[in-house]
Amino acid sequence: MRNSLKIALLSVISIAAVSCKKEDKSPSYHKGDLTILTDESFKSVTEALADGYMINYPETHIKIETKKEDLGFLDLLHDKARITVMSRDLTPEEKKAYEEQVDLKFLPAKFAADAVVFVVPKDSPKQSISMDEIKSGLESDAKNFIFDGTNSSNLNFVAQKLKKQPKDLKFSIIPGSQNIIEELGKHTDKIGVIGLNTFSRPYDKTSEKLREIVKVLPVEDKGKLYSVDNESLRQMTYPFTRVLYFLTNEGNFNIANGFIRYSCTQLGQMIVEKEGLQPYNIYKREVQMR
C-alpha cells in the first residue's frame, strides 16, 4: 500500500514536471525570441521600442534586421518573418495577397508619424523646394536627387506621393541615409532624400552631428510653404508626412503582437516622442489640482 502511494506520488510529480516544461516552451508575449524587419530609415525608432520592450519583459530577445521595405513585406508573406515595419500604402492587390497568404484581416498597427525630407549642405543658398521642382527633377536625366537605394521606403513613398512607379523615376543612389548626409558636401548640386528618423533624436550626439551638416528644405505646395515640425506632422500638413505601421502574420497573442500592443500604448508612444517623431496615438494628460 505504501509502495503504491509512493508510485502514485512520483507519477503526479513527473506529470507536473512535464507540464511545467511544456509551459516553459509554449509561445508567450513576455518571453522568447523575435526578429523585426525594418527599413533603415526607421530603424532607430524600431530599436528604441524593442529596447523598451525587453526592459519590461527581460525574458524576451528582440533582434532588429535591416531590410528594404518591399523585401520585408515579401518575407512576411512567405512566412520568413513574423513582423515588419511599413510606411507606404499597400495596393489593393498587395492587401488581397496579405489576407489570402497570411490568412488574417489587413489591420495595420499605426504607431508614429515620420516624414521624408529633402536636405542640402548647410552652406547651400537653396532655402526651399517646390513640389513642381521635385516632380520635374525626378524626371530629369541630371538625376539631382539622391536616394538610399531601390526598394527603399523613401523612394517608395515619394513615388506613391507623386502617383508614379519607382521604376519611372530618375535619381542617384548613395547606400544609407547617414552616408547621404555625410557625402552630400561632395555633390553640391544634388539634393538628398532621407527619412526624418535618421537624425530626429533630439539629444543623440550622432543625430546632432548630422543635423549640423545639412539643412532641411521646407516644401512649397500650392503657394504655401511647409516645414517639418511637430505640428505639421501632427496635422499631416507637411506634404511628405508618412505614418509608420507594423504588419504581422502572427494570428495569436504571442511576442510579435505583444510588441505591437506595447508600441501603441502610452509607454511605447512616449518612446516614439523621445525619438523626435509624432506619436500616432495621442493620450490626454490630466492634472488633478488638490
Protein backbone atom coordinates (compact mmCIF):
# COMPACT_ATOMS: atom_id res chain seq x y z
CA MET A 1 0.00 0.00 0.00
CA ARG A 2 2.80 2.35 0.98
CA ASN A 3 4.73 1.49 -2.23
CA SER A 4 1.63 2.11 -4.32
CA LEU A 5 1.24 5.52 -2.71
CA LYS A 6 4.88 6.38 -3.47
CA ILE A 7 4.49 5.32 -7.10
CA ALA A 8 1.32 7.40 -7.44
CA LEU A 9 3.01 10.41 -5.88
CA LEU A 10 6.03 10.10 -8.18
CA SER A 11 3.70 9.86 -11.18
CA VAL A 12 1.94 13.09 -10.15
CA ILE A 13 5.30 14.86 -9.70
CA SER A 14 6.52 13.60 -13.09
CA ILE A 15 3.34 14.77 -14.83
CA ALA A 16 3.62 18.18 -13.13
CA ALA A 17 7.27 18.47 -14.18
CA VAL A 18 6.45 17.59 -17.80
CA SER A 19 3.59 20.10 -17.75
CA CYS A 20 5.93 22.83 -16.49
CA LYS A 21 8.44 22.05 -19.21
CA LYS A 22 5.74 22.23 -21.86
CA GLU A 23 4.50 25.50 -20.42
CA ASP A 24 8.02 26.95 -20.47
CA LYS A 25 8.35 26.13 -24.16
CA SER A 26 4.93 27.45 -25.13
CA PRO A 27 4.75 30.76 -27.06
CA SER A 28 4.16 33.88 -24.99
CA TYR A 29 4.22 37.67 -25.31
CA HIS A 30 6.61 38.01 -22.36
CA LYS A 31 9.33 35.54 -23.31
CA GLY A 32 11.01 34.23 -26.43
CA ASP A 33 12.87 35.46 -29.49
CA LEU A 34 11.65 37.82 -32.21
CA THR A 35 13.25 39.34 -35.32
CA ILE A 36 11.73 42.58 -36.60
CA LEU A 37 12.36 43.61 -40.20
CA THR A 38 12.63 47.35 -40.76
CA ASP A 39 13.82 49.69 -43.46
CA GLU A 40 17.00 51.56 -42.49
CA SER A 41 15.05 54.85 -42.50
CA PHE A 42 13.09 53.98 -39.37
CA LYS A 43 15.50 51.59 -37.72
CA SER A 44 16.18 53.98 -34.83
CA VAL A 45 12.60 54.19 -33.55
CA THR A 46 12.16 50.44 -34.01
CA GLU A 47 15.30 49.74 -31.97
CA ALA A 48 14.17 52.13 -29.23
CA LEU A 49 10.79 50.39 -28.96
CA ALA A 50 12.48 46.97 -28.92
CA ASP A 51 14.83 48.10 -26.12
CA GLY A 52 11.85 49.34 -24.11
CA TYR A 53 10.01 46.06 -24.57
CA MET A 54 13.00 43.97 -23.49
CA ILE A 55 13.41 46.11 -20.36
CA ASN A 56 9.78 45.46 -19.46
CA TYR A 57 9.99 41.76 -20.38
CA PRO A 58 13.58 40.58 -19.63
CA GLU A 59 12.90 37.08 -20.97
CA THR A 60 12.32 38.44 -24.48
CA HIS A 61 15.12 38.81 -27.01
CA ILE A 62 14.38 41.06 -29.97
CA LYS A 63 16.70 41.41 -32.95
CA ILE A 64 16.31 44.25 -35.45
CA GLU A 65 17.18 43.29 -39.02
CA THR A 66 17.52 46.00 -41.66
CA LYS A 67 15.80 45.13 -44.93
CA LYS A 68 14.32 47.18 -47.77
CA GLU A 69 10.62 47.80 -47.23
CA ASP A 70 9.35 45.80 -50.22
CA LEU A 71 11.57 42.82 -49.43
CA GLY A 72 10.46 42.83 -45.79
CA PHE A 73 6.83 42.68 -46.90
CA LEU A 74 7.58 39.70 -49.18
CA ASP A 75 9.34 37.88 -46.32
CA LEU A 76 6.23 38.39 -44.19
CA LEU A 77 4.00 36.94 -46.92
CA HIS A 78 6.25 33.91 -47.33
CA ASP A 79 6.42 33.27 -43.58
CA LYS A 80 10.14 34.11 -43.39
CA ALA A 81 9.42 36.79 -40.76
CA ARG A 82 6.74 37.40 -38.16
CA ILE A 83 6.68 41.19 -38.17
CA THR A 84 7.80 44.05 -40.40
CA VAL A 85 7.62 47.85 -40.33
CA MET A 86 5.96 49.63 -43.26
CA SER A 87 5.30 53.22 -44.33
CA ARG A 88 3.74 53.21 -47.78
CA ASP A 89 0.14 52.29 -48.52
CA LEU A 90 -0.27 48.79 -49.88
CA THR A 91 -2.01 48.38 -53.22
CA PRO A 92 -5.37 46.55 -53.32
CA GLU A 93 -3.54 43.57 -54.83
CA GLU A 94 -0.98 43.54 -52.00
CA LYS A 95 -3.70 43.74 -49.36
CA LYS A 96 -5.50 40.83 -51.02
CA ALA A 97 -2.26 38.81 -51.14
CA TYR A 98 -1.66 39.54 -47.44
CA GLU A 99 -5.14 38.39 -46.41
CA GLU A 100 -5.01 35.26 -48.57
CA GLN A 101 -1.46 34.14 -47.77
CA VAL A 102 -1.33 35.18 -44.11
CA ASP A 103 -4.98 34.33 -43.53
CA LEU A 104 -5.54 37.45 -41.41
CA LYS A 105 -7.54 40.61 -41.96
CA PHE A 106 -5.37 43.55 -43.03
CA LEU A 107 -5.13 45.66 -39.86
CA PRO A 108 -2.04 47.91 -39.88
CA ALA A 109 -0.89 48.85 -36.37
CA LYS A 110 -0.05 52.55 -36.78
CA PHE A 111 2.38 53.89 -34.20
CA ALA A 112 4.22 57.03 -35.46
CA ALA A 113 4.19 59.91 -37.92
CA ASP A 114 7.53 60.23 -39.69
CA ALA A 115 8.47 62.14 -42.85
CA VAL A 116 10.61 62.02 -45.95
CA VAL A 117 12.75 65.17 -46.03
CA PHE A 118 14.88 66.91 -48.64
CA VAL A 119 18.30 68.08 -47.48
CA VAL A 120 21.17 70.16 -48.88
CA PRO A 121 24.57 71.14 -47.45
CA LYS A 122 24.38 73.73 -44.68
CA ASP A 123 26.08 76.39 -46.80
CA SER A 124 23.82 75.86 -49.83
CA PRO A 125 21.99 79.02 -51.00
CA LYS A 126 18.87 76.95 -51.58
CA GLN A 127 16.21 77.76 -48.97
CA SER A 128 13.19 75.69 -50.07
CA ILE A 129 11.94 73.29 -52.72
CA SER A 130 8.61 73.14 -54.55
CA MET A 131 6.51 70.13 -55.47
CA ASP A 132 6.99 71.09 -59.12
CA GLU A 133 10.79 71.03 -58.66
CA ILE A 134 10.57 67.59 -57.10
CA LYS A 135 8.38 66.24 -59.91
CA SER A 136 10.49 67.70 -62.73
CA GLY A 137 13.77 66.79 -61.00
CA LEU A 138 12.77 63.14 -60.74
CA GLU A 139 12.06 63.11 -64.49
CA SER A 140 15.40 64.69 -65.41
CA ASP A 141 18.45 62.83 -66.70
CA ALA A 142 20.56 65.04 -64.39
CA LYS A 143 19.49 62.79 -61.51
CA ASN A 144 19.86 65.56 -58.94
CA PHE A 145 18.01 63.69 -56.18
CA ILE A 146 19.93 61.13 -54.12
CA PHE A 147 18.06 58.21 -52.54
CA ASP A 148 19.42 55.39 -50.39
CA GLY A 149 18.56 52.70 -52.94
CA THR A 150 15.84 50.95 -54.88
CA ASN A 151 13.01 49.20 -52.97
CA SER A 152 13.65 51.62 -50.10
CA SER A 153 10.86 53.20 -48.09
CA ASN A 154 11.92 56.73 -49.05
CA LEU A 155 11.79 56.04 -52.79
CA ASN A 156 8.53 54.09 -52.49
CA PHE A 157 6.83 56.84 -50.53
CA VAL A 158 7.92 59.71 -52.79
CA ALA A 159 6.86 57.74 -55.87
CA GLN A 160 3.48 56.98 -54.31
CA LYS A 161 3.02 60.64 -53.36
CA LEU A 162 3.74 61.69 -56.96
CA LYS A 163 1.47 58.91 -58.28
CA LYS A 164 4.38 57.30 -60.08
CA GLN A 165 6.06 53.91 -60.10
CA PRO A 166 9.58 53.92 -58.57
CA LYS A 167 10.98 52.48 -61.81
CA ASP A 168 9.76 55.56 -63.68
CA LEU A 169 11.80 57.99 -61.55
CA LYS A 170 15.35 59.11 -62.31
CA PHE A 171 17.72 59.51 -59.35
CA SER A 172 21.20 58.88 -57.95
CA ILE A 173 22.00 56.39 -55.19
CA ILE A 174 24.23 56.50 -52.12
CA PRO A 175 23.50 53.48 -49.89
CA GLY A 176 22.39 54.51 -46.39
CA SER A 177 20.70 57.73 -45.29
CA GLN A 178 23.56 58.67 -42.96
CA ASN A 179 26.01 58.23 -45.84
CA ILE A 180 23.88 60.56 -47.98
CA ILE A 181 24.19 63.29 -45.33
CA GLU A 182 27.92 62.78 -44.83
CA GLU A 183 28.72 62.75 -48.56
CA LEU A 184 26.33 65.45 -49.72
CA GLY A 185 29.04 68.09 -49.44
CA LYS A 186 30.86 66.36 -52.33
CA HIS A 187 27.78 66.77 -54.53
CA THR A 188 26.74 70.39 -54.03
CA ASP A 189 24.32 70.33 -56.96
CA LYS A 190 22.40 67.37 -55.51
CA ILE A 191 19.52 67.09 -53.02
CA GLY A 192 19.45 64.26 -50.51
CA VAL A 193 16.20 62.43 -49.82
CA ILE A 194 16.16 60.77 -46.38
CA GLY A 195 13.84 59.72 -43.58
CA LEU A 196 13.39 62.16 -40.71
CA ASN A 197 14.11 59.43 -38.14
CA THR A 198 17.68 59.28 -39.48
CA PHE A 199 18.52 62.31 -37.34
CA SER A 200 15.34 63.16 -35.41
CA ARG A 201 16.55 62.14 -31.94
CA PRO A 202 16.81 65.48 -30.07
CA TYR A 203 19.67 64.69 -27.67
CA ASP A 204 21.55 62.00 -29.57
CA LYS A 205 25.14 63.04 -30.38
CA THR A 206 25.20 61.33 -33.78
CA SER A 207 21.91 62.97 -34.74
CA GLU A 208 23.16 66.37 -33.58
CA LYS A 209 26.30 65.97 -35.69
CA LEU A 210 24.27 65.01 -38.78
CA ARG A 211 21.89 67.95 -38.29
CA GLU A 212 24.90 70.29 -38.25
CA ILE A 213 25.98 69.11 -41.72
CA VAL A 214 22.76 69.72 -43.65
CA LYS A 215 19.62 71.83 -43.64
CA VAL A 216 16.13 70.51 -44.25
CA LEU A 217 14.30 72.29 -47.06
CA PRO A 218 10.70 73.40 -46.46
CA VAL A 219 8.40 72.15 -49.24
CA GLU A 220 6.25 74.62 -51.20
CA ASP A 221 2.90 73.24 -52.30
CA LYS A 222 0.20 75.32 -54.00
CA GLY A 223 1.80 78.58 -52.90
CA LYS A 224 2.23 77.59 -49.25
CA LEU A 225 5.48 76.65 -47.51
CA TYR A 226 5.55 73.65 -45.16
CA SER A 227 8.36 72.92 -42.72
CA VAL A 228 8.84 69.67 -40.82
CA ASP A 229 7.94 70.12 -37.15
CA ASN A 230 5.71 68.51 -34.52
CA GLU A 231 2.67 70.50 -35.58
CA SER A 232 2.98 69.75 -39.30
CA LEU A 233 3.46 66.05 -38.53
CA ARG A 234 0.54 66.02 -36.10
CA GLN A 235 -1.77 67.72 -38.58
CA MET A 236 -0.12 65.88 -41.51
CA THR A 237 0.14 69.16 -43.42
CA TYR A 238 3.76 68.63 -44.44
CA PRO A 239 3.32 67.04 -47.91
CA PHE A 240 5.65 64.10 -47.28
CA THR A 241 4.39 63.09 -43.84
CA ARG A 242 4.07 59.31 -43.59
CA VAL A 243 2.59 57.01 -40.99
CA LEU A 244 4.69 54.09 -39.79
CA TYR A 245 2.88 50.86 -39.02
CA PHE A 246 3.53 47.24 -38.11
CA LEU A 247 2.30 44.22 -40.03
CA THR A 248 2.44 40.71 -38.59
CA ASN A 249 1.44 37.23 -39.66
CA GLU A 250 1.05 36.09 -36.05
CA GLY A 251 -2.53 35.02 -35.51
CA ASN A 252 -2.42 34.72 -31.71
CA PHE A 253 -1.18 36.90 -28.86
CA ASN A 254 2.47 35.96 -28.75
CA ILE A 255 5.62 38.08 -28.74
CA ALA A 256 5.00 39.89 -32.08
CA ASN A 257 1.52 41.02 -31.10
CA GLY A 258 2.73 41.76 -27.57
CA PHE A 259 5.40 44.06 -29.01
CA ILE A 260 2.85 45.76 -31.28
CA ARG A 261 0.49 46.38 -28.38
CA TYR A 262 3.32 47.80 -26.27
CA SER A 263 4.40 50.15 -29.09
CA CYS A 264 0.88 51.56 -29.40
CA THR A 265 0.29 52.09 -25.67
CA GLN A 266 1.24 55.22 -23.77
CA LEU A 267 4.66 53.86 -22.79
CA GLY A 268 5.55 52.99 -26.37
CA GLN A 269 4.22 56.30 -27.63
CA MET A 270 6.44 58.14 -25.15
CA ILE A 271 9.42 56.35 -26.72
CA VAL A 272 8.23 57.47 -30.18
CA GLU A 273 8.08 61.04 -28.89
CA LYS A 274 11.61 60.80 -27.45
CA GLU A 275 12.76 59.71 -30.91
CA GLY A 276 11.64 63.10 -32.23
CA LEU A 277 8.69 61.65 -34.14
CA GLN A 278 4.98 62.30 -33.68
CA PRO A 279 3.15 59.61 -31.68
CA TYR A 280 0.20 58.29 -33.67
CA ASN A 281 -1.90 57.53 -30.59
CA ILE A 282 -2.18 60.75 -28.59
CA TYR A 283 -3.03 60.39 -24.91
CA LYS A 284 -4.59 63.13 -22.82
CA ARG A 285 -2.59 64.28 -19.84
CA GLU A 286 -4.82 65.04 -16.91
CA VAL A 287 -3.56 67.08 -13.96
CA GLN A 288 -5.58 66.96 -10.77
CA MET A 289 -5.37 70.01 -8.52
CA ARG A 290 -5.78 69.43 -4.79
